[in-house]
Amino acid sequence: MQQTAVHIDEYIITERLIAGDPGAQELVYDYYGPALFSIILQVVGDTAKAEDVLTRTFIQVFKNVVTYRETGNTTLFGWLMRIAREQALKEAAVMEVNEDSSDDVVKHDSSLLQRFANRLPAESKTIFHLCYYKGLPKEAVARMLGTQPDEVMVKLKDIMVAFRKFLGE
């Protein structure tokens, strides 16, 4: 049997979520959960912890779905992704504190992405953090840094090249 693509009308699904419809919650979890899990796993680097973070993400989403429209996010997935990243970063920070060693010079990172980000020059690290972890578009990052979106895009391309080299090490 061939599966067909499912299209979610975000307005209708949001209304159903606000009404507390369990079927809508299940649909959103099934539809967006795998992508959010991948994002979370990249940040925390541990499958079990990523599953916990995904659960906390959806609990927060379902409790606060009424705030979705107030956030200014253009898509439901964008909003979900921002919440998932925030939850993952909180977990990564907890993991880092728990892994703290007595040697302050040695920094233990909880994931591959964090180790990579720590190697970037300051400006690139800022751009990477704002685009990847905060989910901001290049235009917003450019405004924040007082530069042009094309310059941010060039930096992001350089960052991706550096990441590929980092993965090859």
Foldseek 3Di string as FASTA:
>chain_A
DDDDDDDDDQVVLLVCLVVVPVVSLVVCCVVQVVVLLVLLCQLQVDNVVSVVLSVVLSVVCSVPSVCVVVVPDPGPNLVSNLSSLVSSVVVQVVVQVVVDDPDPVDGDGRHPVVVLLVPDDPVLSQLCCCCRSNVDQLCVVCVVVVHHSVVSVVSVVVSVVSSVVSVVD
